Amino acid sequence: PLCSGMLAVGVADVLGALVGKAVGSVAICEGSRKTLEGTCAAISGTIACALAWDRAGGGLVSRQGELGFGTFALLCSSACLLEAFTLQLDNLYVPLYLYAVLLLGTLPGAAALAA
């Protein structure tokens, strides 16, 4: 959970903006500058970065207690979708949201609640 800010702002936000500006053509909402392509890049990039960090020994995914990879990927995806639909202050809300849900997911018994 401590790396949630880096994942949300440093990876997801940057990838979403770069890919969205470069190849984005499908707007998330009418009148929005955020694109489906940017959001998909943010989701896949966040998960890929977390897995790469995990393999390098950072333990970002494997040290999440009872939180499995599927749940981790779902929570990262939900944070990227929150970013896509948030109009203002997303660089504040999204890291806090991701930190909170990852922290809640590591509590004992959280896996039983998700089932």
C-alpha atoms as a PDB file:
ATOM      1  CA  PRO A   1       0.000   0.000   0.000  1.00  0.00           C
ATOM      2  CA  LEU A   2       2.860   2.401   0.617  1.00  0.00           C
ATOM      3  CA  CYS A   3       3.655   2.537  -3.099  1.00  0.00           C
ATOM      4  CA  SER A   4       0.098   3.408  -4.090  1.00  0.00           C
ATOM      5  CA  GLY A   5       0.970   7.034  -4.790  1.00  0.00           C
ATOM      6  CA  MET A   6       3.811   6.067  -7.087  1.00  0.00           C
ATOM      7  CA  LEU A   7       1.598   3.604  -8.935  1.00  0.00           C
ATOM      8  CA  ALA A   8      -1.364   5.965  -9.220  1.00  0.00           C
ATOM      9  CA  VAL A   9       0.425   9.175 -10.163  1.00  0.00           C
ATOM     10  CA  GLY A  10       3.868   8.060 -11.337  1.00  0.00           C
ATOM     11  CA  VAL A  11       2.752   5.201 -13.561  1.00  0.00           C
ATOM     12  CA  ALA A  12      -0.980   5.278 -14.268  1.00  0.00           C
ATOM     13  CA  ASP A  13      -1.363   9.030 -14.698  1.00  0.00           C
ATOM     14  CA  VAL A  14       1.746   9.393 -16.871  1.00  0.00           C
ATOM     15  CA  LEU A  15       0.970   6.410 -19.097  1.00  0.00           C
ATOM     16  CA  GLY A  16      -2.667   7.429 -19.424  1.00  0.00           C
ATOM     17  CA  ALA A  17      -1.716  10.936 -20.493  1.00  0.00           C
ATOM     18  CA  LEU A  18       1.015   9.865 -22.937  1.00  0.00           C
ATOM     19  CA  VAL A  19      -0.983   7.122 -24.637  1.00  0.00           C
ATOM     20  CA  GLY A  20      -4.194   9.135 -24.535  1.00  0.00           C
ATOM     21  CA  LYS A  21      -2.568  12.108 -26.271  1.00  0.00           C
ATOM     22  CA  ALA A  22      -0.653   9.968 -28.764  1.00  0.00           C
ATOM     23  CA  VAL A  23      -3.298   7.498 -29.931  1.00  0.00           C
ATOM     24  CA  GLY A  24      -6.447   8.235 -27.952  1.00  0.00           C
ATOM     25  CA  SER A  25      -9.569   8.650 -30.038  1.00  0.00           C
ATOM     26  CA  VAL A  26     -12.472   7.313 -27.942  1.00  0.00           C
ATOM     27  CA  ALA A  27     -13.486   9.727 -25.168  1.00  0.00           C
ATOM     28  CA  ILE A  28     -14.464   8.191 -21.832  1.00  0.00           C
ATOM     29  CA  CYS A  29     -17.365  10.633 -21.467  1.00  0.00           C
ATOM     30  CA  GLU A  30     -18.885  13.158 -23.809  1.00  0.00           C
ATOM     31  CA  GLY A  31     -16.825  16.325 -23.561  1.00  0.00           C
ATOM     32  CA  SER A  32     -13.979  14.648 -21.663  1.00  0.00           C
ATOM     33  CA  ARG A  33     -10.356  14.817 -22.772  1.00  0.00           C
ATOM     34  CA  LYS A  34      -9.643  11.446 -21.123  1.00  0.00           C
ATOM     35  CA  THR A  35      -9.694   8.503 -23.518  1.00  0.00           C
ATOM     36  CA  LEU A  36     -10.405   4.802 -23.394  1.00  0.00           C
ATOM     37  CA  GLU A  37      -6.971   4.070 -24.848  1.00  0.00           C
ATOM     38  CA  GLY A  38      -5.254   6.118 -22.153  1.00  0.00           C
ATOM     39  CA  THR A  39      -7.247   4.419 -19.410  1.00  0.00           C
ATOM     40  CA  CYS A  40      -6.431   0.941 -20.760  1.00  0.00           C
ATOM     41  CA  ALA A  41      -2.733   1.892 -20.904  1.00  0.00           C
ATOM     42  CA  ALA A  42      -2.910   3.157 -17.325  1.00  0.00           C
ATOM     43  CA  ILE A  43      -4.492  -0.092 -16.098  1.00  0.00           C
ATOM     44  CA  SER A  44      -2.089  -2.413 -17.913  1.00  0.00           C
ATOM     45  CA  GLY A  45       0.946  -0.266 -17.086  1.00  0.00           C
ATOM     46  CA  THR A  46       0.110  -0.120 -13.393  1.00  0.00           C
ATOM     47  CA  ILE A  47      -0.278  -3.881 -13.150  1.00  0.00           C
ATOM     48  CA  ALA A  48       2.865  -4.517 -15.246  1.00  0.00           C
ATOM     49  CA  CYS A  49       4.930  -2.113 -13.140  1.00  0.00           C
ATOM     50  CA  ALA A  50       3.722  -3.735  -9.918  1.00  0.00           C
ATOM     51  CA  LEU A  51       4.599  -7.201 -11.242  1.00  0.00           C
ATOM     52  CA  ALA A  52       8.035  -6.052 -12.444  1.00  0.00           C
ATOM     53  CA  TRP A  53       8.727  -4.491  -9.055  1.00  0.00           C
ATOM     54  CA  ASP A  54       7.560  -7.688  -7.377  1.00  0.00           C
ATOM     55  CA  ARG A  55       9.937  -9.799  -9.456  1.00  0.00           C
ATOM     56  CA  ALA A  56      12.801  -7.399  -8.749  1.00  0.00           C
ATOM     57  CA  GLY A  57      12.318  -8.039  -5.040  1.00  0.00           C
ATOM     58  CA  GLY A  58      10.185  -5.110  -4.004  1.00  0.00           C
ATOM     59  CA  GLY A  59       7.361  -7.430  -2.971  1.00  0.00           C
ATOM     60  CA  LEU A  60       4.682  -5.002  -4.062  1.00  0.00           C
ATOM     61  CA  VAL A  61       2.190  -7.755  -4.896  1.00  0.00           C
ATOM     62  CA  SER A  62       3.502 -10.780  -2.976  1.00  0.00           C
ATOM     63  CA  ARG A  63       3.690  -8.901   0.342  1.00  0.00           C
ATOM     64  CA  GLN A  64       0.067  -7.843   0.267  1.00  0.00           C
ATOM     65  CA  GLY A  65      -0.945 -10.468   2.835  1.00  0.00           C
ATOM     66  CA  GLU A  66      -4.100 -12.296   1.775  1.00  0.00           C
ATOM     67  CA  LEU A  67      -4.530 -10.045  -1.246  1.00  0.00           C
ATOM     68  CA  GLY A  68      -4.167 -12.205  -4.351  1.00  0.00           C
ATOM     69  CA  PHE A  69      -3.070 -11.063  -7.784  1.00  0.00           C
ATOM     70  CA  GLY A  70      -6.608 -10.979  -9.171  1.00  0.00           C
ATOM     71  CA  THR A  71      -7.840  -8.763  -6.380  1.00  0.00           C
ATOM     72  CA  PHE A  72      -4.756  -6.566  -6.687  1.00  0.00           C
ATOM     73  CA  ALA A  73      -5.369  -6.158 -10.432  1.00  0.00           C
ATOM     74  CA  LEU A  74      -9.037  -5.363  -9.831  1.00  0.00           C
ATOM     75  CA  LEU A  75      -8.186  -2.701  -7.249  1.00  0.00           C
ATOM     76  CA  CYS A  76      -5.599  -1.118  -9.559  1.00  0.00           C
ATOM     77  CA  SER A  77      -8.163  -1.144 -12.367  1.00  0.00           C
ATOM     78  CA  SER A  78     -10.756   0.522 -10.158  1.00  0.00           C
ATOM     79  CA  ALA A  79      -8.249   3.260  -9.245  1.00  0.00           C
ATOM     80  CA  CYS A  80      -7.535   3.908 -12.936  1.00  0.00           C
ATOM     81  CA  LEU A  81     -11.263   4.073 -13.670  1.00  0.00           C
ATOM     82  CA  LEU A  82     -11.711   6.509 -10.787  1.00  0.00           C
ATOM     83  CA  GLU A  83      -8.988   8.656 -12.352  1.00  0.00           C
ATOM     84  CA  ALA A  84     -10.711   8.498 -15.728  1.00  0.00           C
ATOM     85  CA  PHE A  85     -14.028   9.759 -14.375  1.00  0.00           C
ATOM     86  CA  THR A  86     -12.704  12.296 -11.833  1.00  0.00           C
ATOM     87  CA  LEU A  87     -12.736  15.848 -13.139  1.00  0.00           C
ATOM     88  CA  GLN A  88     -10.623  17.638 -10.540  1.00  0.00           C
ATOM     89  CA  LEU A  89      -7.951  16.818  -7.980  1.00  0.00           C
ATOM     90  CA  ASP A  90      -7.487  13.268  -9.277  1.00  0.00           C
ATOM     91  CA  ASN A  91      -3.804  13.367  -8.264  1.00  0.00           C
ATOM     92  CA  LEU A  92      -5.009  13.680  -4.680  1.00  0.00           C
ATOM     93  CA  TYR A  93      -8.047  11.388  -4.639  1.00  0.00           C
ATOM     94  CA  VAL A  94      -6.711   8.439  -6.623  1.00  0.00           C
ATOM     95  CA  PRO A  95      -3.551   7.713  -4.560  1.00  0.00           C
ATOM     96  CA  LEU A  96      -5.557   8.016  -1.344  1.00  0.00           C
ATOM     97  CA  TYR A  97      -8.240   5.691  -2.729  1.00  0.00           C
ATOM     98  CA  LEU A  98      -5.688   3.125  -3.912  1.00  0.00           C
ATOM     99  CA  TYR A  99      -3.840   3.261  -0.586  1.00  0.00           C
ATOM    100  CA  ALA A 100      -7.069   2.743   1.349  1.00  0.00           C
ATOM    101  CA  VAL A 101      -8.350  -0.194  -0.697  1.00  0.00           C
ATOM    102  CA  LEU A 102      -4.960  -1.934  -0.762  1.00  0.00           C
ATOM    103  CA  LEU A 103      -4.668  -1.457   2.991  1.00  0.00           C
ATOM    104  CA  LEU A 104      -8.176  -2.823   3.549  1.00  0.00           C
ATOM    105  CA  GLY A 105      -7.356  -5.765   1.292  1.00  0.00           C
ATOM    106  CA  THR A 106      -4.416  -6.779   3.464  1.00  0.00           C
ATOM    107  CA  LEU A 107      -6.422  -6.980   6.684  1.00  0.00           C
ATOM    108  CA  PRO A 108      -6.901 -10.497   8.090  1.00  0.00           C
ATOM    109  CA  GLY A 109     -10.119 -11.983   6.774  1.00  0.00           C
ATOM    110  CA  ALA A 110     -10.383  -9.585   3.816  1.00  0.00           C
ATOM    111  CA  ALA A 111     -10.144 -12.479   1.359  1.00  0.00           C
ATOM    112  CA  ALA A 112     -13.210 -14.097   2.929  1.00  0.00           C
ATOM    113  CA  LEU A 113     -15.189 -10.878   2.433  1.00  0.00           C
ATOM    114  CA  ALA A 114     -14.241 -10.721  -1.249  1.00  0.00           C
ATOM    115  CA  ALA A 115     -15.413 -14.308  -1.878  1.00  0.00           C
END
